[in-house]
Amino acid sequence: MTPELLISSLYVFALAAFLGYQLISRVPPLLHTPLMSATNAISGISLVGSIVTAGAHFGSVSTVLGFVAVVSATTNVVGGFVITDRMLRMFHRKAPPAKKKGEDHGH
């Protein structure tokens, strides 16, 4: 491994770690459990790494595996947010049914 490649790989790793930290710290604790937010952030870091791997032109096998990793990580990130949204909708209060005009309850 050449020094230039090592430095650029460490740069990408540091950038991905910083991005993951920023994602975790921006999620309000009332919206996610710590496990869900950490899992989504780790999936985001995996997505950044897989994009770099897919576009690095190390070879055709690396490009194909990088593409598969991009698809898998994207599915994981989107699925995490869909599940979180579904969980949040469970806590919404349902509006009481509207009374019909002229409806009298025995008064």
N, C-alpha and C. Protein backbone atom coordinates (compact mmCIF):
# COMPACT_ATOMS: atom_id res chain seq x y z
N MET A 1 0.86 -1.17 0.00
CA MET A 1 0.00 0.00 0.00
C MET A 1 0.91 1.24 0.00
N THR A 2 0.63 2.11 -0.92
CA THR A 2 1.44 3.32 -1.03
C THR A 2 1.05 4.31 0.05
N PRO A 3 1.95 5.21 0.43
CA PRO A 3 1.61 6.21 1.46
C PRO A 3 0.44 7.10 1.06
N GLU A 4 0.35 7.42 -0.25
CA GLU A 4 -0.76 8.26 -0.70
C GLU A 4 -2.10 7.56 -0.50
N LEU A 5 -2.13 6.27 -0.83
CA LEU A 5 -3.37 5.50 -0.67
C LEU A 5 -3.73 5.35 0.80
N LEU A 6 -2.73 5.14 1.64
CA LEU A 6 -2.97 5.01 3.08
C LEU A 6 -3.52 6.32 3.65
N ILE A 7 -2.93 7.44 3.25
CA ILE A 7 -3.39 8.73 3.75
C ILE A 7 -4.81 9.02 3.27
N SER A 8 -5.09 8.73 2.00
CA SER A 8 -6.45 8.98 1.51
C SER A 8 -7.45 8.04 2.16
N SER A 9 -7.06 6.81 2.44
CA SER A 9 -7.96 5.88 3.13
C SER A 9 -8.24 6.34 4.55
N LEU A 10 -7.21 6.82 5.24
CA LEU A 10 -7.41 7.34 6.59
C LEU A 10 -8.27 8.59 6.58
N TYR A 11 -8.11 9.42 5.54
CA TYR A 11 -8.94 10.62 5.41
C TYR A 11 -10.41 10.24 5.24
N VAL A 12 -10.69 9.26 4.40
CA VAL A 12 -12.07 8.82 4.20
C VAL A 12 -12.63 8.22 5.49
N PHE A 13 -11.81 7.45 6.19
CA PHE A 13 -12.26 6.86 7.46
C PHE A 13 -12.59 7.95 8.47
N ALA A 14 -11.70 8.95 8.59
CA ALA A 14 -11.94 10.03 9.55
C ALA A 14 -13.19 10.83 9.17
N LEU A 15 -13.37 11.08 7.88
CA LEU A 15 -14.55 11.81 7.42
C LEU A 15 -15.83 11.02 7.71
N ALA A 16 -15.79 9.71 7.46
CA ALA A 16 -16.96 8.87 7.73
C ALA A 16 -17.25 8.81 9.23
N ALA A 17 -16.20 8.73 10.05
CA ALA A 17 -16.41 8.70 11.50
C ALA A 17 -16.99 10.03 12.00
N PHE A 18 -16.50 11.14 11.46
CA PHE A 18 -17.03 12.45 11.83
C PHE A 18 -18.49 12.58 11.42
N LEU A 19 -18.80 12.15 10.21
CA LEU A 19 -20.18 12.20 9.74
C LEU A 19 -21.09 11.33 10.61
N GLY A 20 -20.63 10.15 10.95
CA GLY A 20 -21.41 9.28 11.83
C GLY A 20 -21.65 9.90 13.19
N TYR A 21 -20.62 10.52 13.75
CA TYR A 21 -20.77 11.20 15.04
C TYR A 21 -21.79 12.33 14.94
N GLN A 22 -21.70 13.11 13.86
CA GLN A 22 -22.64 14.22 13.69
C GLN A 22 -24.07 13.71 13.56
N LEU A 23 -24.24 12.60 12.85
CA LEU A 23 -25.58 12.03 12.71
C LEU A 23 -26.13 11.58 14.06
N ILE A 24 -25.30 10.92 14.85
CA ILE A 24 -25.76 10.44 16.15
C ILE A 24 -26.09 11.61 17.08
N SER A 25 -25.24 12.64 17.07
CA SER A 25 -25.45 13.74 18.01
C SER A 25 -26.63 14.62 17.63
N ARG A 26 -27.08 14.60 16.40
CA ARG A 26 -28.19 15.44 15.96
C ARG A 26 -29.56 14.78 16.17
N VAL A 27 -29.59 13.53 16.53
CA VAL A 27 -30.85 12.83 16.72
C VAL A 27 -31.34 13.07 18.14
N PRO A 28 -32.52 13.69 18.31
CA PRO A 28 -33.04 13.91 19.66
C PRO A 28 -33.36 12.58 20.34
N PRO A 29 -33.03 12.46 21.61
CA PRO A 29 -33.26 11.21 22.31
C PRO A 29 -34.73 10.81 22.39
N LEU A 30 -35.62 11.78 22.28
CA LEU A 30 -37.04 11.44 22.35
C LEU A 30 -37.54 10.75 21.09
N LEU A 31 -36.80 10.89 19.99
CA LEU A 31 -37.26 10.31 18.73
C LEU A 31 -36.75 8.90 18.49
N HIS A 32 -35.59 8.60 18.98
CA HIS A 32 -35.01 7.28 18.72
C HIS A 32 -34.48 6.69 20.02
N THR A 33 -34.46 5.40 20.05
CA THR A 33 -33.72 4.76 21.11
C THR A 33 -32.25 4.89 20.74
N PRO A 34 -31.35 4.84 21.70
CA PRO A 34 -29.93 4.94 21.35
C PRO A 34 -29.49 3.84 20.37
N LEU A 35 -30.07 2.68 20.48
CA LEU A 35 -29.70 1.60 19.57
C LEU A 35 -30.09 1.92 18.14
N MET A 36 -31.28 2.46 17.93
CA MET A 36 -31.74 2.76 16.57
C MET A 36 -30.90 3.86 15.94
N SER A 37 -30.60 4.91 16.70
CA SER A 37 -29.81 6.01 16.13
C SER A 37 -28.38 5.56 15.85
N ALA A 38 -27.82 4.75 16.72
CA ALA A 38 -26.47 4.25 16.48
C ALA A 38 -26.43 3.33 15.27
N THR A 39 -27.44 2.51 15.12
CA THR A 39 -27.50 1.61 13.97
C THR A 39 -27.64 2.38 12.66
N ASN A 40 -28.46 3.40 12.63
CA ASN A 40 -28.60 4.21 11.42
C ASN A 40 -27.30 4.94 11.10
N ALA A 41 -26.59 5.43 12.11
CA ALA A 41 -25.33 6.13 11.87
C ALA A 41 -24.26 5.17 11.35
N ILE A 42 -24.21 3.97 11.91
CA ILE A 42 -23.25 2.98 11.43
C ILE A 42 -23.57 2.60 9.99
N SER A 43 -24.84 2.49 9.66
CA SER A 43 -25.22 2.19 8.28
C SER A 43 -24.83 3.35 7.36
N GLY A 44 -24.93 4.57 7.84
CA GLY A 44 -24.49 5.72 7.05
C GLY A 44 -22.99 5.69 6.80
N ILE A 45 -22.22 5.31 7.82
CA ILE A 45 -20.77 5.18 7.65
C ILE A 45 -20.46 4.07 6.65
N SER A 46 -21.19 2.97 6.72
CA SER A 46 -21.00 1.87 5.76
C SER A 46 -21.33 2.34 4.34
N LEU A 47 -22.34 3.17 4.22
CA LEU A 47 -22.72 3.69 2.91
C LEU A 47 -21.60 4.55 2.32
N VAL A 48 -21.01 5.42 3.13
CA VAL A 48 -19.91 6.25 2.63
C VAL A 48 -18.73 5.38 2.21
N GLY A 49 -18.39 4.41 3.02
CA GLY A 49 -17.28 3.51 2.67
C GLY A 49 -17.55 2.70 1.43
N SER A 50 -18.77 2.26 1.25
CA SER A 50 -19.09 1.45 0.07
C SER A 50 -19.12 2.31 -1.20
N ILE A 51 -19.50 3.57 -1.09
CA ILE A 51 -19.44 4.47 -2.25
C ILE A 51 -17.99 4.67 -2.67
N VAL A 52 -17.12 4.86 -1.68
CA VAL A 52 -15.69 5.03 -1.99
C VAL A 52 -15.14 3.76 -2.64
N THR A 53 -15.50 2.60 -2.11
CA THR A 53 -15.01 1.34 -2.67
C THR A 53 -15.52 1.13 -4.09
N ALA A 54 -16.77 1.45 -4.33
CA ALA A 54 -17.34 1.25 -5.67
C ALA A 54 -16.70 2.17 -6.69
N GLY A 55 -16.29 3.36 -6.29
CA GLY A 55 -15.75 4.31 -7.24
C GLY A 55 -14.23 4.39 -7.28
N ALA A 56 -13.54 3.53 -6.55
CA ALA A 56 -12.08 3.63 -6.45
C ALA A 56 -11.35 2.99 -7.62
N HIS A 57 -12.02 2.21 -8.45
CA HIS A 57 -11.41 1.55 -9.62
C HIS A 57 -10.24 0.64 -9.24
N PHE A 58 -10.43 -0.15 -8.17
CA PHE A 58 -9.42 -1.13 -7.80
C PHE A 58 -9.46 -2.34 -8.72
N GLY A 59 -10.59 -2.56 -9.33
CA GLY A 59 -10.78 -3.70 -10.23
C GLY A 59 -12.26 -3.93 -10.40
N SER A 60 -12.59 -4.82 -11.33
CA SER A 60 -14.01 -5.06 -11.60
C SER A 60 -14.70 -5.75 -10.43
N VAL A 61 -14.01 -6.65 -9.75
CA VAL A 61 -14.60 -7.34 -8.60
C VAL A 61 -14.88 -6.33 -7.48
N SER A 62 -13.93 -5.43 -7.23
CA SER A 62 -14.11 -4.41 -6.20
C SER A 62 -15.27 -3.49 -6.55
N THR A 63 -15.40 -3.15 -7.83
CA THR A 63 -16.49 -2.27 -8.24
C THR A 63 -17.85 -2.95 -8.06
N VAL A 64 -17.94 -4.21 -8.44
CA VAL A 64 -19.20 -4.95 -8.30
C VAL A 64 -19.55 -5.13 -6.82
N LEU A 65 -18.57 -5.53 -6.02
CA LEU A 65 -18.84 -5.70 -4.59
C LEU A 65 -19.16 -4.36 -3.93
N GLY A 66 -18.52 -3.28 -4.38
CA GLY A 66 -18.83 -1.95 -3.87
C GLY A 66 -20.24 -1.55 -4.21
N PHE A 67 -20.69 -1.86 -5.44
CA PHE A 67 -22.07 -1.56 -5.83
C PHE A 67 -23.07 -2.33 -4.98
N VAL A 68 -22.78 -3.61 -4.75
CA VAL A 68 -23.66 -4.42 -3.90
C VAL A 68 -23.70 -3.84 -2.48
N ALA A 69 -22.55 -3.38 -2.00
CA ALA A 69 -22.49 -2.79 -0.66
C ALA A 69 -23.27 -1.48 -0.61
N VAL A 70 -23.20 -0.67 -1.69
CA VAL A 70 -23.97 0.58 -1.74
C VAL A 70 -25.46 0.29 -1.68
N VAL A 71 -25.91 -0.68 -2.46
CA VAL A 71 -27.33 -1.03 -2.46
C VAL A 71 -27.76 -1.55 -1.09
N SER A 72 -26.94 -2.41 -0.49
CA SER A 72 -27.29 -2.98 0.82
C SER A 72 -27.32 -1.91 1.91
N ALA A 73 -26.30 -1.06 1.93
CA ALA A 73 -26.25 -0.02 2.96
C ALA A 73 -27.37 1.00 2.79
N THR A 74 -27.69 1.34 1.54
CA THR A 74 -28.80 2.28 1.29
C THR A 74 -30.12 1.68 1.76
N THR A 75 -30.33 0.41 1.46
CA THR A 75 -31.54 -0.27 1.91
C THR A 75 -31.62 -0.27 3.43
N ASN A 76 -30.50 -0.50 4.07
CA ASN A 76 -30.47 -0.53 5.53
C ASN A 76 -30.78 0.84 6.13
N VAL A 77 -30.20 1.90 5.57
CA VAL A 77 -30.44 3.25 6.08
C VAL A 77 -31.90 3.64 5.87
N VAL A 78 -32.42 3.44 4.66
CA VAL A 78 -33.81 3.80 4.38
C VAL A 78 -34.76 2.98 5.24
N GLY A 79 -34.49 1.69 5.37
CA GLY A 79 -35.33 0.83 6.21
C GLY A 79 -35.34 1.27 7.66
N GLY A 80 -34.18 1.72 8.16
CA GLY A 80 -34.11 2.20 9.54
C GLY A 80 -34.98 3.43 9.76
N PHE A 81 -34.96 4.34 8.78
CA PHE A 81 -35.79 5.54 8.92
C PHE A 81 -37.27 5.23 8.71
N VAL A 82 -37.59 4.28 7.86
CA VAL A 82 -38.99 3.89 7.67
C VAL A 82 -39.54 3.27 8.95
N ILE A 83 -38.76 2.41 9.56
CA ILE A 83 -39.20 1.77 10.80
C ILE A 83 -39.34 2.80 11.91
N THR A 84 -38.40 3.75 11.97
CA THR A 84 -38.49 4.80 12.97
C THR A 84 -39.75 5.64 12.77
N ASP A 85 -40.04 5.98 11.52
CA ASP A 85 -41.26 6.74 11.23
C ASP A 85 -42.50 5.96 11.63
N ARG A 86 -42.50 4.68 11.37
CA ARG A 86 -43.65 3.84 11.75
C ARG A 86 -43.81 3.79 13.27
N MET A 87 -42.67 3.71 13.98
CA MET A 87 -42.74 3.70 15.44
C MET A 87 -43.29 5.02 15.97
N LEU A 88 -42.87 6.13 15.37
CA LEU A 88 -43.35 7.43 15.82
C LEU A 88 -44.84 7.61 15.56
N ARG A 89 -45.33 7.06 14.45
CA ARG A 89 -46.77 7.17 14.17
C ARG A 89 -47.60 6.40 15.17
N MET A 90 -47.04 5.40 15.82
CA MET A 90 -47.78 4.64 16.82
C MET A 90 -48.11 5.51 18.03
N PHE A 91 -47.33 6.57 18.27
CA PHE A 91 -47.52 7.40 19.45
C PHE A 91 -48.37 8.63 19.18
N HIS A 92 -48.83 8.83 17.95
CA HIS A 92 -49.71 9.95 17.66
C HIS A 92 -51.08 9.70 18.28
N ARG A 93 -51.66 10.74 18.82
CA ARG A 93 -53.01 10.61 19.38
C ARG A 93 -54.02 10.65 18.25
N LYS A 94 -54.99 9.80 18.36
CA LYS A 94 -56.05 9.79 17.35
C LYS A 94 -57.09 10.85 17.73
N ALA A 95 -57.55 11.57 16.73
CA ALA A 95 -58.56 12.59 16.97
C ALA A 95 -59.88 11.92 17.31
N PRO A 96 -60.64 12.49 18.27
CA PRO A 96 -61.94 11.89 18.59
C PRO A 96 -62.87 12.03 17.39
N PRO A 97 -63.76 11.06 17.22
CA PRO A 97 -64.67 11.15 16.06
C PRO A 97 -65.57 12.38 16.18
N ALA A 98 -65.79 13.01 15.06
CA ALA A 98 -66.62 14.22 15.03
C ALA A 98 -68.08 13.83 15.23
N LYS A 99 -68.80 14.65 16.01
CA LYS A 99 -70.23 14.39 16.24
C LYS A 99 -71.01 14.86 15.03
N LYS A 100 -72.00 14.09 14.69
CA LYS A 100 -72.86 14.47 13.56
C LYS A 100 -73.84 15.53 14.01
N LYS A 101 -74.24 16.36 13.09
CA LYS A 101 -75.17 17.45 13.38
C LYS A 101 -76.54 16.85 13.75
N GLY A 102 -77.10 17.36 14.80
CA GLY A 102 -78.41 16.90 15.22
C GLY A 102 -78.37 15.64 16.08
N GLU A 103 -77.19 15.17 16.37
CA GLU A 103 -77.06 13.95 17.18
C GLU A 103 -77.22 14.33 18.65
N ASP A 104 -78.15 13.65 19.32
CA ASP A 104 -78.41 13.96 20.72
C ASP A 104 -78.22 12.68 21.50
N HIS A 105 -77.53 12.76 22.61
CA HIS A 105 -77.24 11.57 23.40
C HIS A 105 -78.18 11.48 24.58
N GLY A 106 -79.45 11.59 24.36
CA GLY A 106 -80.43 11.40 25.42
C GLY A 106 -80.58 12.61 26.33
N HIS A 107 -80.23 13.75 25.93
CA HIS A 107 -80.38 14.94 26.77
C HIS A 107 -81.60 15.69 26.40
